[in-house]
N, C-alpha and C. Protein backbone atom coordinates (compact mmCIF):
# COMPACT_ATOMS: atom_id res chain seq x y z
N MET A 1 15.97 149.94 80.72
CA MET A 1 16.80 148.78 80.43
C MET A 1 17.24 148.84 78.96
N THR A 2 18.53 148.63 78.71
CA THR A 2 19.06 148.68 77.35
C THR A 2 18.62 147.44 76.57
N PRO A 3 18.10 147.63 75.35
CA PRO A 3 17.71 146.45 74.56
C PRO A 3 18.92 145.59 74.20
N ARG A 4 18.64 144.29 74.01
CA ARG A 4 19.73 143.38 73.63
C ARG A 4 20.26 143.72 72.25
N PRO A 5 21.55 143.47 72.02
CA PRO A 5 22.08 143.60 70.65
C PRO A 5 21.28 142.73 69.69
N LEU A 6 21.27 143.13 68.44
CA LEU A 6 20.47 142.44 67.42
C LEU A 6 21.37 141.87 66.34
N LEU A 7 21.24 140.58 66.09
CA LEU A 7 21.94 139.90 64.99
C LEU A 7 20.92 139.59 63.91
N ILE A 8 21.15 140.13 62.72
CA ILE A 8 20.27 139.87 61.57
C ILE A 8 21.01 138.93 60.62
N VAL A 9 20.37 137.80 60.31
CA VAL A 9 20.94 136.82 59.37
C VAL A 9 20.14 136.91 58.08
N MET A 10 20.80 137.24 56.98
CA MET A 10 20.13 137.36 55.69
C MET A 10 20.07 136.00 55.00
N VAL A 11 18.85 135.59 54.64
CA VAL A 11 18.65 134.28 54.00
C VAL A 11 17.75 134.43 52.77
N LYS A 12 17.94 133.51 51.84
CA LYS A 12 17.03 133.39 50.70
C LYS A 12 16.36 132.03 50.79
N GLU A 13 15.14 131.97 50.30
CA GLU A 13 14.45 130.69 50.26
C GLU A 13 15.28 129.72 49.41
N PRO A 14 15.61 128.54 49.95
CA PRO A 14 16.55 127.65 49.26
C PRO A 14 15.91 126.84 48.13
N ARG A 15 15.53 127.53 47.07
CA ARG A 15 14.93 126.88 45.90
C ARG A 15 15.98 126.75 44.81
N PRO A 16 16.09 125.58 44.18
CA PRO A 16 17.06 125.41 43.09
C PRO A 16 16.86 126.47 42.00
N GLY A 17 17.96 127.06 41.59
CA GLY A 17 17.92 128.09 40.56
C GLY A 17 17.65 129.49 41.08
N ARG A 18 17.35 129.61 42.39
CA ARG A 18 17.06 130.93 42.96
C ARG A 18 18.04 131.31 44.07
N VAL A 19 18.89 130.38 44.46
CA VAL A 19 19.84 130.65 45.53
C VAL A 19 21.18 130.02 45.15
N LYS A 20 22.28 130.71 45.46
CA LYS A 20 23.63 130.22 45.17
C LYS A 20 23.76 129.78 43.71
N THR A 21 23.34 130.63 42.79
CA THR A 21 23.32 130.23 41.38
C THR A 21 24.72 130.10 40.79
N ARG A 22 25.67 130.90 41.26
CA ARG A 22 27.04 130.76 40.75
C ARG A 22 27.59 129.39 41.16
N LEU A 23 27.36 129.01 42.40
CA LEU A 23 27.74 127.67 42.86
C LEU A 23 26.96 126.61 42.08
N GLY A 24 25.68 126.86 41.84
CA GLY A 24 24.83 125.91 41.13
C GLY A 24 25.28 125.64 39.72
N ARG A 25 25.86 126.64 39.05
CA ARG A 25 26.35 126.43 37.69
C ARG A 25 27.53 125.45 37.68
N GLN A 26 28.19 125.30 38.82
CA GLN A 26 29.35 124.40 38.89
C GLN A 26 29.00 123.02 39.44
N ILE A 27 28.10 122.95 40.41
CA ILE A 27 27.80 121.65 41.04
C ILE A 27 26.36 121.18 40.79
N GLY A 28 25.56 122.03 40.15
CA GLY A 28 24.14 121.72 39.93
C GLY A 28 23.28 122.56 40.86
N MET A 29 22.13 123.00 40.35
CA MET A 29 21.27 123.89 41.13
C MET A 29 20.66 123.20 42.35
N VAL A 30 20.29 121.92 42.20
CA VAL A 30 19.71 121.20 43.34
C VAL A 30 20.74 120.99 44.45
N PRO A 31 21.96 120.50 44.15
CA PRO A 31 22.95 120.39 45.22
C PRO A 31 23.30 121.73 45.86
N ALA A 32 23.34 122.81 45.07
CA ALA A 32 23.65 124.13 45.63
C ALA A 32 22.57 124.58 46.60
N ALA A 33 21.30 124.38 46.23
CA ALA A 33 20.20 124.75 47.13
C ALA A 33 20.20 123.87 48.37
N TRP A 34 20.50 122.57 48.17
CA TRP A 34 20.58 121.65 49.32
C TRP A 34 21.69 122.10 50.27
N TRP A 35 22.86 122.47 49.73
CA TRP A 35 23.96 122.92 50.57
C TRP A 35 23.55 124.16 51.36
N PHE A 36 22.92 125.12 50.67
CA PHE A 36 22.55 126.37 51.33
C PHE A 36 21.55 126.13 52.45
N ARG A 37 20.57 125.28 52.19
CA ARG A 37 19.55 125.00 53.22
C ARG A 37 20.20 124.43 54.47
N HIS A 38 21.09 123.45 54.29
CA HIS A 38 21.72 122.81 55.45
C HIS A 38 22.77 123.72 56.10
N GLN A 39 23.42 124.54 55.31
CA GLN A 39 24.35 125.52 55.86
C GLN A 39 23.60 126.52 56.74
N CYS A 40 22.44 126.99 56.28
CA CYS A 40 21.65 127.94 57.07
C CYS A 40 21.22 127.33 58.40
N ARG A 41 20.77 126.09 58.36
CA ARG A 41 20.35 125.44 59.60
C ARG A 41 21.51 125.31 60.58
N ALA A 42 22.67 124.91 60.07
CA ALA A 42 23.84 124.77 60.94
C ALA A 42 24.25 126.13 61.51
N LEU A 43 24.21 127.17 60.67
CA LEU A 43 24.60 128.50 61.13
C LEU A 43 23.65 128.99 62.22
N LEU A 44 22.35 128.79 62.04
CA LEU A 44 21.39 129.25 63.05
C LEU A 44 21.57 128.51 64.37
N ARG A 45 21.86 127.21 64.30
CA ARG A 45 22.13 126.47 65.55
C ARG A 45 23.34 127.06 66.26
N GLU A 46 24.31 127.52 65.49
CA GLU A 46 25.55 128.04 66.05
C GLU A 46 25.38 129.44 66.65
N VAL A 47 24.63 130.32 66.00
CA VAL A 47 24.65 131.73 66.41
C VAL A 47 23.53 132.14 67.36
N VAL A 48 22.50 131.30 67.54
CA VAL A 48 21.47 131.65 68.51
C VAL A 48 22.09 131.63 69.90
N ASP A 49 21.90 132.73 70.64
CA ASP A 49 22.57 132.90 71.93
C ASP A 49 21.75 133.87 72.77
N PRO A 50 21.63 133.64 74.07
CA PRO A 50 20.82 134.55 74.90
C PRO A 50 21.40 135.96 75.02
N ARG A 51 22.66 136.16 74.63
CA ARG A 51 23.26 137.49 74.76
C ARG A 51 22.75 138.47 73.72
N TRP A 52 22.16 137.96 72.63
CA TRP A 52 21.63 138.83 71.59
C TRP A 52 20.37 138.23 71.00
N GLN A 53 19.59 139.08 70.34
CA GLN A 53 18.39 138.62 69.64
C GLN A 53 18.77 138.28 68.21
N VAL A 54 18.25 137.18 67.69
CA VAL A 54 18.49 136.79 66.30
C VAL A 54 17.21 136.99 65.50
N VAL A 55 17.33 137.64 64.35
CA VAL A 55 16.21 137.84 63.43
C VAL A 55 16.66 137.40 62.05
N LEU A 56 15.78 136.72 61.33
CA LEU A 56 16.04 136.34 59.94
C LEU A 56 15.50 137.42 59.03
N ALA A 57 16.32 137.89 58.10
CA ALA A 57 15.87 138.79 57.04
C ALA A 57 15.68 137.91 55.81
N VAL A 58 14.42 137.71 55.42
CA VAL A 58 14.08 136.70 54.41
C VAL A 58 13.83 137.30 53.04
N SER A 59 14.09 136.49 52.03
CA SER A 59 13.82 136.84 50.64
C SER A 59 13.48 135.55 49.89
N PRO A 60 12.51 135.61 48.96
CA PRO A 60 11.59 136.70 48.68
C PRO A 60 10.67 136.97 49.88
N ASP A 61 10.16 138.17 49.96
CA ASP A 61 9.47 138.60 51.17
C ASP A 61 8.29 137.71 51.55
N ALA A 62 7.29 137.61 50.66
CA ALA A 62 6.06 136.88 51.01
C ALA A 62 6.36 135.41 51.27
N GLU A 63 7.13 134.80 50.39
CA GLU A 63 7.45 133.38 50.53
C GLU A 63 8.27 133.13 51.80
N GLY A 64 9.24 133.99 52.05
CA GLY A 64 10.10 133.82 53.21
C GLY A 64 9.38 134.02 54.53
N MET A 65 8.45 134.97 54.58
CA MET A 65 7.73 135.24 55.83
C MET A 65 6.87 134.05 56.23
N GLY A 66 6.36 133.30 55.24
CA GLY A 66 5.50 132.16 55.56
C GLY A 66 6.19 130.81 55.43
N SER A 67 7.48 130.81 55.15
CA SER A 67 8.19 129.57 54.85
C SER A 67 8.28 128.64 56.05
N ARG A 68 8.20 127.36 55.77
CA ARG A 68 8.39 126.34 56.82
C ARG A 68 9.84 125.87 56.89
N VAL A 69 10.67 126.37 55.99
CA VAL A 69 12.08 125.99 55.97
C VAL A 69 12.80 126.52 57.21
N TRP A 70 12.45 127.75 57.62
CA TRP A 70 13.16 128.40 58.71
C TRP A 70 12.52 128.09 60.05
N PRO A 71 13.31 128.05 61.13
CA PRO A 71 12.75 127.74 62.45
C PRO A 71 11.65 128.74 62.82
N ALA A 72 10.53 128.19 63.30
CA ALA A 72 9.37 129.03 63.62
C ALA A 72 9.64 129.98 64.78
N HIS A 73 10.55 129.62 65.68
CA HIS A 73 10.79 130.43 66.88
C HIS A 73 11.71 131.64 66.61
N VAL A 74 12.29 131.73 65.41
CA VAL A 74 13.18 132.86 65.10
C VAL A 74 12.35 133.91 64.35
N PRO A 75 12.26 135.15 64.88
CA PRO A 75 11.49 136.19 64.20
C PRO A 75 12.04 136.49 62.81
N ARG A 76 11.17 137.01 61.94
CA ARG A 76 11.55 137.29 60.55
C ARG A 76 11.19 138.71 60.16
N LEU A 77 12.00 139.24 59.26
CA LEU A 77 11.74 140.53 58.62
C LEU A 77 11.89 140.33 57.12
N PRO A 78 11.08 141.01 56.30
CA PRO A 78 11.30 140.94 54.85
C PRO A 78 12.50 141.81 54.46
N GLN A 79 13.30 141.31 53.51
CA GLN A 79 14.42 142.12 53.02
C GLN A 79 13.96 143.28 52.15
N GLY A 80 12.88 143.09 51.41
CA GLY A 80 12.41 144.14 50.50
C GLY A 80 13.19 144.14 49.19
N ARG A 81 12.91 145.14 48.38
CA ARG A 81 13.50 145.23 47.03
C ARG A 81 14.83 145.96 47.04
N GLY A 82 15.50 145.88 45.88
CA GLY A 82 16.72 146.65 45.69
C GLY A 82 17.97 145.80 45.78
N ASP A 83 19.11 146.46 45.57
CA ASP A 83 20.37 145.73 45.65
C ASP A 83 20.71 145.44 47.12
N LEU A 84 21.82 144.76 47.34
CA LEU A 84 22.19 144.36 48.69
C LEU A 84 22.30 145.56 49.62
N GLY A 85 22.86 146.66 49.14
CA GLY A 85 23.00 147.84 49.97
C GLY A 85 21.66 148.43 50.38
N ALA A 86 20.72 148.49 49.45
CA ALA A 86 19.39 149.02 49.76
C ALA A 86 18.71 148.15 50.82
N ARG A 87 18.85 146.83 50.66
CA ARG A 87 18.21 145.91 51.61
C ARG A 87 18.86 145.99 52.99
N MET A 88 20.20 146.01 53.04
CA MET A 88 20.87 146.09 54.34
C MET A 88 20.60 147.45 55.00
N GLY A 89 20.59 148.51 54.21
CA GLY A 89 20.32 149.83 54.76
C GLY A 89 18.95 149.89 55.43
N ARG A 90 17.94 149.31 54.77
CA ARG A 90 16.59 149.28 55.37
C ARG A 90 16.58 148.48 56.66
N LEU A 91 17.26 147.33 56.65
CA LEU A 91 17.28 146.49 57.85
C LEU A 91 17.95 147.22 59.01
N LEU A 92 19.03 147.92 58.74
CA LEU A 92 19.72 148.66 59.80
C LEU A 92 18.84 149.80 60.32
N LYS A 93 18.11 150.46 59.45
CA LYS A 93 17.22 151.55 59.89
C LYS A 93 16.04 151.00 60.69
N ARG A 94 15.50 149.86 60.27
CA ARG A 94 14.35 149.29 60.98
C ARG A 94 14.71 148.87 62.38
N ALA A 95 15.97 148.51 62.58
CA ALA A 95 16.39 148.09 63.91
C ALA A 95 16.26 149.24 64.90
N GLY A 96 16.40 150.47 64.42
CA GLY A 96 16.22 151.64 65.26
C GLY A 96 17.39 151.89 66.19
N PRO A 97 17.30 152.99 66.94
CA PRO A 97 18.39 153.34 67.86
C PRO A 97 18.32 152.50 69.12
N GLY A 98 19.38 152.51 69.89
CA GLY A 98 19.33 151.87 71.21
C GLY A 98 20.31 150.75 71.39
N ALA A 99 20.29 149.79 70.50
CA ALA A 99 21.18 148.63 70.66
C ALA A 99 22.01 148.45 69.39
N PRO A 100 23.22 147.92 69.52
CA PRO A 100 24.02 147.66 68.32
C PRO A 100 23.39 146.58 67.46
N VAL A 101 23.62 146.69 66.15
CA VAL A 101 23.06 145.74 65.18
C VAL A 101 24.20 145.20 64.33
N VAL A 102 24.19 143.89 64.11
CA VAL A 102 25.15 143.23 63.24
C VAL A 102 24.37 142.44 62.20
N ILE A 103 24.79 142.54 60.94
CA ILE A 103 24.19 141.75 59.86
C ILE A 103 25.24 140.79 59.33
N VAL A 104 24.82 139.53 59.12
CA VAL A 104 25.71 138.53 58.51
C VAL A 104 24.96 137.83 57.39
N GLY A 105 25.73 137.27 56.46
CA GLY A 105 25.17 136.40 55.46
C GLY A 105 25.07 134.99 56.03
N ALA A 106 24.30 134.14 55.37
CA ALA A 106 24.10 132.78 55.86
C ALA A 106 25.06 131.79 55.22
N ASP A 107 25.90 132.24 54.28
CA ASP A 107 26.77 131.32 53.53
C ASP A 107 28.21 131.36 54.03
N ILE A 108 28.39 131.45 55.36
CA ILE A 108 29.72 131.56 55.97
C ILE A 108 29.95 130.33 56.83
N PRO A 109 30.51 129.24 56.30
CA PRO A 109 30.65 128.01 57.07
C PRO A 109 31.51 128.15 58.33
N GLY A 110 32.46 129.09 58.34
CA GLY A 110 33.34 129.23 59.50
C GLY A 110 32.80 130.12 60.60
N LEU A 111 31.60 130.68 60.43
CA LEU A 111 31.05 131.61 61.41
C LEU A 111 30.65 130.88 62.69
N ARG A 112 31.15 131.38 63.82
CA ARG A 112 30.84 130.82 65.14
C ARG A 112 30.31 131.92 66.04
N ARG A 113 29.65 131.54 67.11
CA ARG A 113 29.07 132.56 68.00
C ARG A 113 30.16 133.45 68.60
N GLY A 114 31.37 132.92 68.73
CA GLY A 114 32.47 133.75 69.22
C GLY A 114 32.77 134.92 68.31
N HIS A 115 32.59 134.73 66.99
CA HIS A 115 32.77 135.84 66.05
C HIS A 115 31.71 136.92 66.27
N VAL A 116 30.48 136.48 66.52
CA VAL A 116 29.39 137.43 66.76
C VAL A 116 29.65 138.19 68.06
N ALA A 117 30.01 137.46 69.11
CA ALA A 117 30.28 138.11 70.40
C ALA A 117 31.41 139.13 70.26
N ALA A 118 32.45 138.77 69.51
CA ALA A 118 33.58 139.69 69.31
C ALA A 118 33.14 140.94 68.56
N ALA A 119 32.26 140.79 67.56
CA ALA A 119 31.78 141.95 66.80
C ALA A 119 31.00 142.90 67.71
N PHE A 120 30.14 142.36 68.56
CA PHE A 120 29.39 143.23 69.47
C PHE A 120 30.32 143.90 70.48
N ARG A 121 31.35 143.19 70.94
CA ARG A 121 32.32 143.80 71.85
C ARG A 121 33.02 144.98 71.17
N LYS A 122 33.40 144.79 69.92
CA LYS A 122 34.08 145.86 69.18
C LYS A 122 33.18 147.09 69.03
N LEU A 123 31.86 146.87 68.95
CA LEU A 123 30.95 148.01 68.84
C LEU A 123 30.81 148.77 70.15
N GLY A 124 31.39 148.25 71.22
CA GLY A 124 31.42 149.01 72.47
C GLY A 124 32.32 150.23 72.37
N ALA A 125 33.34 150.17 71.52
CA ALA A 125 34.29 151.28 71.38
C ALA A 125 34.28 151.89 69.99
N ALA A 126 33.69 151.22 69.01
CA ALA A 126 33.69 151.70 67.63
C ALA A 126 32.27 152.02 67.19
N ASP A 127 32.16 152.82 66.13
CA ASP A 127 30.84 153.14 65.56
C ASP A 127 30.36 152.04 64.62
N ALA A 128 31.31 151.36 63.98
CA ALA A 128 30.98 150.33 63.00
C ALA A 128 32.00 149.21 63.09
N VAL A 129 31.58 148.03 62.69
CA VAL A 129 32.49 146.89 62.61
C VAL A 129 32.24 146.21 61.27
N ILE A 130 33.30 145.72 60.65
CA ILE A 130 33.18 145.04 59.36
C ILE A 130 34.05 143.79 59.40
N GLY A 131 33.54 142.70 58.83
CA GLY A 131 34.28 141.44 58.79
C GLY A 131 34.71 141.14 57.37
N PRO A 132 35.99 141.28 57.07
CA PRO A 132 36.45 141.05 55.70
C PRO A 132 36.24 139.59 55.26
N ALA A 133 35.91 139.42 54.00
CA ALA A 133 35.88 138.08 53.39
C ALA A 133 37.15 137.93 52.55
N THR A 134 37.49 136.70 52.26
CA THR A 134 38.74 136.43 51.56
C THR A 134 38.72 136.91 50.11
N ASP A 135 37.53 137.23 49.57
CA ASP A 135 37.43 137.62 48.16
C ASP A 135 37.34 139.13 47.95
N GLY A 136 37.58 139.92 48.99
CA GLY A 136 37.50 141.37 48.87
C GLY A 136 36.16 141.95 49.29
N GLY A 137 35.20 141.08 49.54
CA GLY A 137 33.92 141.51 50.10
C GLY A 137 33.96 141.44 51.61
N TYR A 138 32.79 141.28 52.21
CA TYR A 138 32.75 141.13 53.66
C TYR A 138 31.56 140.28 54.06
N TRP A 139 31.71 139.62 55.21
CA TRP A 139 30.69 138.69 55.69
C TRP A 139 29.87 139.27 56.83
N LEU A 140 30.29 140.39 57.39
CA LEU A 140 29.62 140.99 58.54
C LEU A 140 29.74 142.49 58.46
N ILE A 141 28.67 143.17 58.81
CA ILE A 141 28.75 144.61 59.04
C ILE A 141 27.85 144.93 60.23
N GLY A 142 28.32 145.81 61.09
CA GLY A 142 27.54 146.19 62.26
C GLY A 142 27.69 147.66 62.56
N LEU A 143 26.64 148.22 63.17
CA LEU A 143 26.64 149.62 63.55
C LEU A 143 26.15 149.77 64.98
N ARG A 144 26.69 150.77 65.65
CA ARG A 144 26.25 151.05 67.02
C ARG A 144 25.10 152.04 67.03
N HIS A 145 25.00 152.87 65.99
CA HIS A 145 23.97 153.91 65.93
C HIS A 145 23.19 153.79 64.62
N VAL A 146 22.27 154.70 64.41
CA VAL A 146 21.50 154.76 63.17
C VAL A 146 22.46 154.91 62.00
N PRO A 147 22.19 154.24 60.86
CA PRO A 147 23.11 154.32 59.71
C PRO A 147 23.33 155.75 59.24
N PRO A 148 24.57 156.07 58.85
CA PRO A 148 24.83 157.43 58.34
C PRO A 148 24.23 157.62 56.95
N PRO A 149 23.94 158.87 56.57
CA PRO A 149 23.43 159.13 55.20
C PRO A 149 24.44 158.65 54.16
N GLY A 150 23.93 158.06 53.09
CA GLY A 150 24.81 157.62 52.01
C GLY A 150 25.47 156.29 52.24
N LEU A 151 25.11 155.60 53.34
CA LEU A 151 25.70 154.28 53.58
C LEU A 151 25.40 153.37 52.39
N PHE A 152 26.42 152.71 51.89
CA PHE A 152 26.36 151.76 50.76
C PHE A 152 26.18 152.43 49.39
N ALA A 153 26.20 153.75 49.32
CA ALA A 153 26.05 154.42 48.02
C ALA A 153 27.27 154.13 47.15
N GLY A 154 27.02 153.64 45.94
CA GLY A 154 28.08 153.40 44.97
C GLY A 154 28.91 152.15 45.22
N VAL A 155 28.48 151.28 46.11
CA VAL A 155 29.25 150.06 46.37
C VAL A 155 29.12 149.12 45.18
N ARG A 156 30.26 148.60 44.73
CA ARG A 156 30.27 147.63 43.63
C ARG A 156 30.13 146.24 44.23
N TRP A 157 28.88 145.80 44.34
CA TRP A 157 28.59 144.51 44.97
C TRP A 157 29.11 143.36 44.12
N SER A 158 29.36 142.23 44.76
CA SER A 158 29.85 141.02 44.10
C SER A 158 31.15 141.29 43.35
N SER A 159 31.98 142.13 43.94
CA SER A 159 33.29 142.40 43.35
C SER A 159 34.33 142.49 44.45
N GLU A 160 35.59 142.51 44.05
CA GLU A 160 36.67 142.62 45.03
C GLU A 160 36.74 144.02 45.64
N HIS A 161 35.89 144.94 45.17
CA HIS A 161 35.89 146.32 45.68
C HIS A 161 34.81 146.56 46.75
N ALA A 162 33.99 145.55 47.04
CA ALA A 162 32.82 145.76 47.90
C ALA A 162 33.19 146.30 49.27
N MET A 163 34.22 145.74 49.90
CA MET A 163 34.58 146.21 51.23
C MET A 163 35.17 147.61 51.20
N ALA A 164 36.09 147.86 50.28
CA ALA A 164 36.70 149.19 50.18
C ALA A 164 35.65 150.25 49.89
N ASP A 165 34.71 149.94 48.99
CA ASP A 165 33.65 150.89 48.68
C ASP A 165 32.77 151.16 49.89
N THR A 166 32.46 150.11 50.65
CA THR A 166 31.63 150.28 51.85
C THR A 166 32.36 151.12 52.89
N LEU A 167 33.64 150.86 53.09
CA LEU A 167 34.42 151.65 54.05
C LEU A 167 34.42 153.13 53.66
N ALA A 168 34.42 153.41 52.37
CA ALA A 168 34.38 154.80 51.93
C ALA A 168 33.08 155.49 52.35
N THR A 169 31.98 154.71 52.43
CA THR A 169 30.69 155.30 52.85
C THR A 169 30.61 155.46 54.37
N LEU A 170 31.58 154.90 55.08
CA LEU A 170 31.63 155.02 56.54
C LEU A 170 32.69 156.03 56.99
N ARG A 171 33.21 156.79 56.06
CA ARG A 171 34.28 157.76 56.36
C ARG A 171 33.86 158.67 57.51
N GLY A 172 34.77 158.89 58.44
CA GLY A 172 34.49 159.73 59.58
C GLY A 172 34.04 158.98 60.81
N LEU A 173 33.71 157.70 60.64
CA LEU A 173 33.31 156.87 61.79
C LEU A 173 34.50 156.06 62.29
N ARG A 174 34.45 155.69 63.56
CA ARG A 174 35.47 154.78 64.11
C ARG A 174 35.08 153.36 63.69
N ILE A 175 35.97 152.71 62.94
CA ILE A 175 35.65 151.40 62.37
C ILE A 175 36.59 150.34 62.95
N ALA A 176 35.99 149.26 63.43
CA ALA A 176 36.76 148.11 63.91
C ALA A 176 36.66 147.00 62.87
N GLU A 177 37.66 146.14 62.84
CA GLU A 177 37.67 145.05 61.88
C GLU A 177 37.55 143.72 62.61
N ALA A 178 36.64 142.87 62.13
CA ALA A 178 36.48 141.52 62.67
C ALA A 178 37.44 140.58 61.93
N GLU A 179 37.46 139.35 62.36
CA GLU A 179 38.31 138.34 61.73
C GLU A 179 37.91 138.11 60.27
N THR A 180 38.87 137.77 59.44
CA THR A 180 38.59 137.45 58.04
C THR A 180 38.03 136.03 57.94
N LEU A 181 36.89 135.87 57.27
CA LEU A 181 36.28 134.56 57.03
C LEU A 181 35.96 134.43 55.54
N ALA A 182 35.69 133.21 55.12
CA ALA A 182 35.36 132.94 53.72
C ALA A 182 33.86 132.67 53.57
N ASP A 183 33.27 133.24 52.51
CA ASP A 183 31.91 132.87 52.15
C ASP A 183 31.99 131.87 51.01
N VAL A 184 30.84 131.32 50.64
CA VAL A 184 30.81 130.31 49.58
C VAL A 184 30.08 130.88 48.38
N ASP A 185 30.83 131.13 47.31
CA ASP A 185 30.24 131.58 46.06
C ASP A 185 30.41 130.54 44.96
N GLU A 186 31.52 129.79 45.02
CA GLU A 186 31.85 128.81 43.99
C GLU A 186 32.24 127.49 44.63
N ALA A 187 32.35 126.45 43.80
CA ALA A 187 32.67 125.12 44.31
C ALA A 187 33.99 125.09 45.07
N ALA A 188 34.96 125.87 44.63
CA ALA A 188 36.26 125.91 45.30
C ALA A 188 36.16 126.47 46.72
N ASP A 189 35.09 127.20 47.01
CA ASP A 189 34.91 127.79 48.34
C ASP A 189 34.30 126.83 49.34
N LEU A 190 33.76 125.70 48.86
CA LEU A 190 33.10 124.76 49.76
C LEU A 190 34.10 124.16 50.73
N PRO A 191 33.72 124.04 52.00
CA PRO A 191 34.63 123.40 52.95
C PRO A 191 34.76 121.92 52.63
N PRO A 192 35.85 121.27 53.06
CA PRO A 192 35.99 119.83 52.84
C PRO A 192 34.81 119.09 53.43
N ARG A 193 34.39 118.06 52.75
CA ARG A 193 33.27 117.23 53.19
C ARG A 193 32.01 118.07 53.38
N ALA A 194 31.72 118.97 52.45
CA ALA A 194 30.53 119.81 52.55
C ALA A 194 29.25 118.99 52.40
N GLY A 195 29.35 117.81 51.81
CA GLY A 195 28.21 116.91 51.77
C GLY A 195 27.13 117.27 50.78
N CYS A 196 27.46 117.88 49.67
CA CYS A 196 26.46 118.17 48.65
C CYS A 196 26.05 116.89 47.96
N ARG A 197 24.76 116.73 47.73
CA ARG A 197 24.29 115.56 47.01
C ARG A 197 23.99 115.92 45.57
């Protein structure tokens, strides 16, 4: 029997000053952490679906693995050390062969289960899928097979080059593109009525 597709949601413990700090410098660290915590809960309610398995990739590792913030019924993996590419690369390798894997960030207010379903469908014909973000980065990456050598090498994270750099590390693979969505890095990115206190 083929294993179910795997959706990995990357989260950080929502502590003021440790999560969404760029947003926090504009609206305050406590409101930024409050927004992220509630955004994560809303996103998890939206993306849990019997068609795929959902796993939380938590950071910091020890605190996240034992945290009461996240739903107890959702399995967890530690993100580990390193930059975003090192952490995502490890998560993709740990998933192993057999089923497609998609990784998303938790700060995507427009993400719906239909986006996840579409990404897994695209992996039926492509080796990789990527979801562009409006700022030149991306909100989703998925692979059908074990990650290729050099995946994420030299990617300029937190820049408008992140997606182009990542695509360069996927050269030679069949790549599908998901819908463009916005992540939240700054106050201007917050959806209307985001409800920050």
